[in-house]
Amino acid sequence: MKKNILKIALSSLSLGLLLAGCGNPASKDSSSSQEPEVFTPTQYESNGIALDQYQIVIPASANATVNYAASELRSYIKKATGVELKVVKDDAPEGEYEILLGECARQETKNIDFESLGEESYAIQTLGKDLLIEANPQRGLLYGVYSFLEALGFRYYTPSVEKIPSAEQVFVPTEMNLSWTPVFDYREAMFKNAWDPSFAVKAKINSDFQRPELKNNLKYGGFNGYIGGARYLVHTFKYLLPYDTYFSLHPTWYAQNVGPTYTGAEYRQPCFTNFESLDVVYAEAERLIESDPTSNILSISQNDGGDFCKCETCQKQKEQYGESGVMLRYINELAKRIGEKYPHVKIDTLAYAWSIEPPKEVVAEKNVTVRFCTEMCPFHDDSDNCEILKQREQYFIDWQDHASELSVWTYPISFVNYFNAWPNYYELKANTAFYAKHGVKSIYQEGFHRDSCEFAELKAYLLSKLNANPFMSDEEYEYHLLDFLEGYYGEGYKHIRNYIQYAHDAIKANIAQSGCLSTSAGPEDLFDFGYDGSTYDMKFIQKMNQCWDKALDLADEVSYKRVEKSSLHWTYVELYNTFDNRYLNGTVDEMEELEERNRNLYNKMKEYGTIYRYNEKTINMTVTDFKSSPATW
């Protein structure tokens, strides 16, 4: 058979090479005239052996995970080539050409240290004409299979959108040597489209949050998750010390003098200097641990939004230990008790809101992981350019003196309005690398839990790539961004890439004047539209709209709806800010056009199900008058 060379490269991966009719965007460093380097994935050469000569070999004792890995490898190869490889146990006669999955009874695997690979690591190598995917019979084997396929050109963009290469691109290479060991032990990219368990495994997402199948279906090779499941992921004192149950009997167990806003069960914190409540909390923690023996992280964490206790004892100890220190002393007492009976359980608590500042004099017990929850600056990736980012990074660094293990809960989105343009891709990469550099072992990237039109699929994909490889180069990251855009949006992807860059540059220019944005920034805060939407730049608006128009013009029947759905967030931001002023001052034709665009936007939002502005709050579902801004919906 003629040898084939696999080349996995987009036709143009450099921003400077994008040929968009809506103009070429500035590079990340617009002061540099040097063309950015282009990342090209490794190119592999076929060993010349026809695939149908191979058999997939699994151990005779193969478990559900190994069988699933073999079936996935077989299935994807068949999708690309039509060849359906035979799967045999290692007690069957040895074939001339084999793909070995895991620790098979073959000479090639005898000197491999499988124990060192743990649950998740893998190595892929060719030995002679054989291919070895070395991993233990857990999710690491699945990761290895999917990574081998990805090296051949397969892509898993979303649960329903994948790229299958041509038959000529799928072969056993002459030489391949790949390996992977996780930097983060716990990895979450929390977007609704990433909750599919099959997609999660392909993306190396191992959190079982909203993915009970990872926990309950053995074929997925295991998980990393919280005792008690999704309900007990965070803010757990409301369950461990329920206010409605105990407040009337023991009011001093709860934070005092917190005002009328935080008197309910969802918010009221414990009084962390009153150790009388420890027995109740410990008993509930013990019940949870016993009820969920397959998980090993227990969240004992402050409630969301509640104030720190203002009783005399808490305020006095606050001076000595800081608010986080007072809480940590309480957590430490629980951790000591739990550690004695359940040494395998990690106690997870928060550095969040009023507890974000590091404590004084207090150090977390060895079995306590402090989960650092603060938004970094969403549109600065260098702390030398941003005092807010510098302060938050310093908080994190200082926390390292008070805990042997830190985890991170981070915020890659805008929370106030799901339609916001939020092109923080450089910043996501910089923040993830920062956490990895400082030894974080657990990362939870909290995205949208509803359908969204602001690139939710892209962000889930990129965050999963960053969680798996936080130290990748800027060039590789740009490759993944463009690879997704082309694979998901089709031929017009370059125009969407330009839109992203324009939006990022415009927001950065605006905050240079108005100050940094937080995750509570609204559509009115992103661009320089003026306080009342009266100073908008129509050339800028037209340039942004042209990017989407050209992407739609180039879309095929399959990708058109994906482009259209994603474009809605920009149309919303544009009309949200400028509709009223333009309508008031427009000609009759302009007014009619604006009204029709408003109506079309509204109908498309309902058609695609992107109706949530925030959490449970939807747009008004009965709008009939489209003569005012979408801000009124």
Foldseek 3Di string as FASTA:
>chain_A
DDKDKFWDADPDLWLVPQDDPLDGFADPPNVDPDTDDFDTADMFMFPPDDPQQEAEEEAPPADLQQVLLRVVLQVLLCVAAVRRHHYDYLVDDDGPEYEYQEQGPDPVRPPDDQVVCPQAKWKWWDDQRYIYIYYHSFLNSNQSSLVVLVSLPWACLFVVFIDRDHNSSDHRGPIDIDIADFLAQAAADDEQRCLDLVSCSSLVHFECANPCCLVVPCNNGHGAYEQPHNVQRAQCCCPLVPCVVPCVPPVQQWAPPQDPVQPHSQAIWGQLVPLPCVVSSLVVQVVSCVVGVRYAEGEDEHGPPYDHHDDPVQVVVCVAWNSLRSNQVSVQVSCVVCCVVPVRHAYEYECDDRNLAHIPPAAHDQSYEYEREDEAFLQDLDCVVPVRNVVSLVRVVVCVVRYVAYAYEYENAQFQFLLAQRLSLSNLLSVLLSCSVVRHRHYHYDDDSFDGLRCSSLSSSLSSVCSRPSPDDPSVSSRSSQVSLCSQLNPLSSLVVSLSSLQSVQQVVQCVPVNTDDSNDDLQNRHPCDPQSPNDDVSSVVSNVSSLVSSLVRGDPRNNLSSVSNCLSVLQSNQQRHQQVCLVPDDPVSVVVQLVSQVVSLVSCVVSVVQDTHDPDGQPPDDDGSNHHSVND
